[in-house]
Amino acid sequence: MTYAKYSASGNDFVIFHSFIERDFTEDAIRLCNRTEGIGADGFVAILPCDEADFKWQFRNSDGSDAAMCGNATRAVAHYAYNNNLAPSKMKFLTEAGIIESKVDGNIVETQMTKPIIIKEPFEEKGLTWYLIDTGVPHLVTLVDDLDKYSHDLCAKMRYAHNANVNFAKIENGIIKVRTYERGVEGETLACGTGMVACFLRANDLGLVENSTFVYPKSNEELTISKVDEKIYFKGAVKKIFNAIIE
């Protein structure tokens, strides 16, 4: 089988396509292993679909599923277009619903799913948190120093609320983010749905404009925009290599 490894803002994925649908959980665990596999944060199988150009089966590196992954949508769209599986403007089905993406060279823009506020601001562990679903649930806290990010605190909050955990800093109208992801059980270099969650919180508070730059741990630049209540997530993706595994 031939697999592609992609990076989207430092979030890396193993991607391939198949015309036969099955449970790829064990494949995800094996291939995402950074010691004995290809190594990645997540795994995506692209599969046939009657409702859209294709559908995906997404798995985190531990084999758990996630309804949505913003960076993966951009990497998958690039893969699908360059493998003649979809046009440059495409629709594909995820567990969070239909996703629309547009490929322009190595720049890919995705229209994100409609956000749902799960819990209004609340205090816990000495910080103010906001819980919102941007395809998957995310906790957001705004801080003045990203060094306040704590792996142990994030792990506790992740299991207490079954959500990803984000620390965000607003600086000169831009957003800088650090994210702890479920399924990876640690900090990743980027998380698309997490960056969108942080943008929505900052935008609601009037701290950023309706279109702003966002920088994750990888320090790559992304753009998040709100147009007529629709959220768009845009940035570069990189194909790292193809791997043939017997």
Protein backbone atom coordinates (compact mmCIF):
# COMPACT_ATOMS: atom_id res chain seq x y z
CA MET A 1 0.00 0.00 0.00
CA THR A 2 1.13 3.54 -0.74
CA TYR A 3 0.60 6.19 1.91
CA ALA A 4 1.32 9.92 1.91
CA LYS A 5 2.60 11.84 4.89
CA TYR A 6 1.38 15.42 5.11
CA SER A 7 2.01 18.33 7.44
CA ALA A 8 -0.55 21.08 7.94
CA SER A 9 0.94 23.79 10.15
CA GLY A 10 2.98 21.15 11.97
CA ASN A 11 0.00 18.83 12.51
CA ASP A 12 1.02 15.67 10.62
CA PHE A 13 -1.11 12.96 9.05
CA VAL A 14 -0.86 9.65 7.19
CA ILE A 15 -3.32 9.75 4.26
CA PHE A 16 -4.34 7.21 1.65
CA HIS A 17 -7.38 6.31 -0.42
CA SER A 18 -9.22 3.04 -0.81
CA PHE A 19 -12.25 1.83 -2.75
CA ILE A 20 -12.98 -0.74 -0.06
CA GLU A 21 -14.45 0.46 3.24
CA ARG A 22 -13.46 -1.24 6.50
CA ASP A 23 -12.33 -0.30 10.00
CA PHE A 24 -8.82 1.17 9.71
CA THR A 25 -8.24 1.59 13.45
CA GLU A 26 -5.40 -0.91 13.70
CA ASP A 27 -3.77 0.58 10.59
CA ALA A 28 -3.89 4.01 12.23
CA ILE A 29 -2.23 2.81 15.44
CA ARG A 30 0.50 0.98 13.51
CA LEU A 31 1.24 3.68 10.93
CA CYS A 32 1.07 6.66 13.30
CA ASN A 33 3.64 5.06 15.62
CA ARG A 34 6.69 7.31 15.51
CA THR A 35 9.14 4.51 16.30
CA GLU A 36 7.95 1.59 14.19
CA GLY A 37 5.58 3.27 11.71
CA ILE A 38 5.48 6.37 9.55
CA GLY A 39 4.73 8.61 12.52
CA ALA A 40 1.85 11.08 12.68
CA ASP A 41 -0.76 12.79 14.87
CA GLY A 42 -3.59 11.29 12.83
CA PHE A 43 -4.62 8.93 10.04
CA VAL A 44 -7.13 9.47 7.24
CA ALA A 45 -8.60 6.94 4.81
CA ILE A 46 -10.40 8.54 1.85
CA LEU A 47 -13.38 6.45 0.78
CA PRO A 48 -16.13 6.55 -1.89
CA CYS A 49 -19.28 8.52 -1.05
CA ASP A 50 -22.61 9.12 -2.83
CA GLU A 51 -23.33 12.36 -0.94
CA ALA A 52 -20.10 14.21 -1.75
CA ASP A 53 -16.83 13.90 -3.66
CA PHE A 54 -15.64 11.43 -1.01
CA LYS A 55 -15.84 10.71 2.70
CA TRP A 56 -13.12 10.15 5.23
CA GLN A 57 -12.45 7.83 8.12
CA PHE A 58 -10.34 9.79 10.61
CA ARG A 59 -8.40 8.25 13.48
CA ASN A 60 -6.13 9.83 16.07
CA SER A 61 -2.72 8.27 16.60
CA ASP A 62 -4.09 6.12 19.44
CA GLY A 63 -6.83 4.72 17.19
CA SER A 64 -9.65 6.80 18.66
CA ASP A 65 -11.95 8.58 16.25
CA ALA A 66 -12.65 12.31 16.01
CA ALA A 67 -15.62 13.83 14.23
CA MET A 68 -13.55 16.66 12.79
CA CYS A 69 -9.96 17.90 12.43
CA GLY A 70 -9.41 21.28 10.81
CA ASN A 71 -5.79 20.79 9.73
CA ALA A 72 -6.59 17.32 8.39
CA THR A 73 -9.33 18.76 6.17
CA ARG A 74 -6.76 20.96 4.48
CA ALA A 75 -4.20 18.17 4.05
CA VAL A 76 -6.84 15.73 2.78
CA ALA A 77 -8.23 18.27 0.31
CA HIS A 78 -4.74 18.78 -1.14
CA TYR A 79 -4.20 15.01 -1.37
CA ALA A 80 -7.61 14.42 -3.00
CA TYR A 81 -7.14 17.14 -5.60
CA ASN A 82 -3.60 16.08 -6.51
CA ASN A 83 -4.66 12.43 -6.81
CA ASN A 84 -7.60 13.31 -9.10
CA LEU A 85 -10.16 12.25 -6.50
CA ALA A 86 -11.91 15.64 -6.35
CA PRO A 87 -11.97 19.06 -8.07
CA SER A 88 -10.15 22.04 -6.56
CA LYS A 89 -13.43 23.14 -4.92
CA MET A 90 -14.71 20.04 -3.18
CA LYS A 91 -17.13 18.68 -0.62
CA PHE A 92 -16.46 15.67 1.57
CA LEU A 93 -18.23 13.93 4.40
CA THR A 94 -16.91 13.75 7.97
CA GLU A 95 -18.65 12.68 11.17
CA ALA A 96 -19.22 16.40 11.82
CA GLY A 97 -21.02 16.76 8.49
CA ILE A 98 -20.16 17.98 5.00
CA ILE A 99 -16.93 19.97 4.74
CA GLU A 100 -16.14 22.34 1.87
CA SER A 101 -12.52 23.01 0.93
CA LYS A 102 -10.74 24.92 -1.83
CA VAL A 103 -7.23 24.13 -3.07
CA ASP A 104 -5.00 26.81 -4.64
CA GLY A 105 -1.48 25.44 -5.02
CA ASN A 106 -0.29 24.60 -1.53
CA ILE A 107 -2.81 26.96 0.10
CA VAL A 108 -6.02 25.29 1.22
CA GLU A 109 -9.08 26.97 2.73
CA THR A 110 -11.78 25.05 4.59
CA GLN A 111 -15.23 26.22 5.61
CA MET A 112 -15.53 24.97 9.16
CA THR A 113 -18.62 23.46 10.76
CA LYS A 114 -21.08 25.69 12.60
CA PRO A 115 -19.80 26.20 16.17
CA ILE A 116 -21.92 25.22 19.16
CA ILE A 117 -21.35 26.74 22.60
CA ILE A 118 -21.36 23.90 25.14
CA LYS A 119 -20.69 25.91 28.30
CA GLU A 120 -20.50 29.64 28.93
CA PRO A 121 -17.41 31.03 30.72
CA PHE A 122 -16.67 29.34 34.04
CA GLU A 123 -13.86 29.35 36.60
CA GLU A 124 -11.75 26.27 37.28
CA LYS A 125 -8.16 25.72 38.42
CA GLY A 126 -7.66 29.47 38.79
CA LEU A 127 -8.49 30.24 35.14
CA THR A 128 -11.55 31.30 33.14
CA TRP A 129 -12.61 28.70 30.59
CA TYR A 130 -14.99 28.60 27.64
CA LEU A 131 -16.23 25.31 26.17
CA ILE A 132 -17.25 25.25 22.50
CA ASP A 133 -17.68 22.61 19.81
CA THR A 134 -15.99 23.57 16.52
CA GLY A 135 -16.37 20.08 15.09
CA VAL A 136 -15.00 18.58 18.30
CA PRO A 137 -15.19 20.06 21.82
CA HIS A 138 -12.54 22.58 22.88
CA LEU A 139 -11.79 24.33 26.15
CA VAL A 140 -10.32 27.81 25.69
CA THR A 141 -8.61 30.02 28.23
CA LEU A 142 -7.05 33.41 27.40
CA VAL A 143 -3.75 34.15 29.13
CA ASP A 144 -1.13 36.91 29.08
CA ASP A 145 1.74 34.43 28.88
CA LEU A 146 1.69 31.14 26.92
CA ASP A 147 4.26 29.73 29.35
CA LYS A 148 1.28 29.28 31.67
CA TYR A 149 0.45 26.25 29.51
CA SER A 150 0.75 23.16 31.71
CA HIS A 151 0.66 19.58 30.47
CA ASP A 152 -0.62 18.29 33.82
CA LEU A 153 -3.36 20.92 34.03
CA CYS A 154 -4.39 20.27 30.43
CA ALA A 155 -4.60 16.53 31.07
CA LYS A 156 -6.84 17.09 34.09
CA MET A 157 -9.12 19.49 32.22
CA ARG A 158 -9.20 17.19 29.16
CA TYR A 159 -10.53 14.26 31.21
CA ALA A 160 -12.80 16.40 33.38
CA HIS A 161 -14.59 17.83 30.33
CA ASN A 162 -13.73 15.29 27.58
CA ALA A 163 -12.38 18.12 25.42
CA ASN A 164 -9.21 19.39 23.82
CA VAL A 165 -7.56 22.19 25.80
CA ASN A 166 -6.27 25.51 24.42
CA PHE A 167 -4.23 28.35 25.91
CA ALA A 168 -4.45 31.49 23.77
CA LYS A 169 -2.69 34.86 23.90
CA ILE A 170 -3.93 37.92 22.01
CA GLU A 171 -1.08 40.15 20.84
CA ASN A 172 -1.48 43.16 18.53
CA GLY A 173 -4.70 41.77 17.08
CA ILE A 174 -3.29 38.32 16.33
CA ILE A 175 -3.76 35.05 18.22
CA LYS A 176 -1.07 32.68 19.45
CA VAL A 177 -2.22 29.24 20.59
CA ARG A 178 -0.96 26.14 22.39
CA THR A 179 -3.18 23.04 22.26
CA TYR A 180 -3.41 19.74 24.13
CA GLU A 181 -5.23 17.21 21.93
CA ARG A 182 -7.33 14.22 22.86
CA GLY A 183 -6.18 11.04 21.15
CA VAL A 184 -2.62 12.32 21.04
CA GLU A 185 -2.73 13.01 24.81
CA GLY A 186 -0.22 15.79 24.61
CA GLU A 187 0.61 19.08 22.98
CA THR A 188 0.59 19.17 19.17
CA LEU A 189 2.28 21.71 16.93
CA ALA A 190 -1.11 22.86 15.66
CA CYS A 191 -4.84 22.15 15.94
CA GLY A 192 -7.23 23.71 13.43
CA THR A 193 -10.46 23.30 15.37
CA GLY A 194 -8.62 24.57 18.46
CA MET A 195 -7.40 27.71 16.70
CA VAL A 196 -10.95 28.34 15.46
CA ALA A 197 -12.29 27.94 19.00
CA CYS A 198 -9.75 30.50 20.27
CA PHE A 199 -10.61 32.89 17.43
CA LEU A 200 -14.33 32.70 18.22
CA ARG A 201 -13.73 33.42 21.90
CA ALA A 202 -11.44 36.38 21.15
CA ASN A 203 -13.77 37.70 18.44
CA ASP A 204 -16.79 37.52 20.76
CA LEU A 205 -14.85 39.61 23.28
CA GLY A 206 -13.93 42.17 20.62
CA LEU A 207 -10.22 41.41 20.93
CA VAL A 208 -9.67 40.55 17.25
CA GLU A 209 -11.25 41.54 13.94
CA ASN A 210 -13.45 39.26 11.81
CA SER A 211 -10.33 38.17 9.93
CA THR A 212 -7.03 37.64 11.72
CA PHE A 213 -3.77 35.74 11.70
CA VAL A 214 -3.33 32.81 14.07
CA TYR A 215 -0.04 31.19 15.04
CA PRO A 216 0.06 27.72 16.64
CA LYS A 217 3.07 26.14 18.39
CA SER A 218 4.69 25.50 14.98
CA ASN A 219 4.64 29.30 14.45
CA GLU A 220 3.24 28.86 10.93
CA GLU A 221 0.82 31.60 9.88
CA LEU A 222 -2.85 30.79 9.29
CA THR A 223 -5.85 32.99 8.61
CA ILE A 224 -9.25 32.58 10.25
CA SER A 225 -12.16 34.65 8.99
CA LYS A 226 -15.82 35.07 9.86
CA VAL A 227 -18.05 36.02 6.92
CA ASP A 228 -21.83 36.09 7.41
CA GLU A 229 -21.45 33.78 10.44
CA LYS A 230 -19.47 31.25 8.39
CA ILE A 231 -15.95 30.42 9.56
CA TYR A 232 -13.07 29.94 7.11
CA PHE A 233 -9.69 28.46 7.98
CA LYS A 234 -6.82 28.99 5.53
CA GLY A 235 -3.14 28.11 5.32
CA ALA A 236 -0.38 26.18 3.61
CA VAL A 237 0.04 22.40 3.64
CA LYS A 238 3.10 20.33 2.79
CA LYS A 239 3.35 16.87 1.33
CA ILE A 240 6.34 15.37 3.10
CA PHE A 241 6.75 12.05 1.29
CA ASN A 242 5.09 8.90 -0.07
CA ALA A 243 5.75 5.58 1.66
CA ILE A 244 5.16 2.09 0.30
CA ILE A 245 4.52 -0.43 3.06
CA GLU A 246 3.99 -4.13 2.50
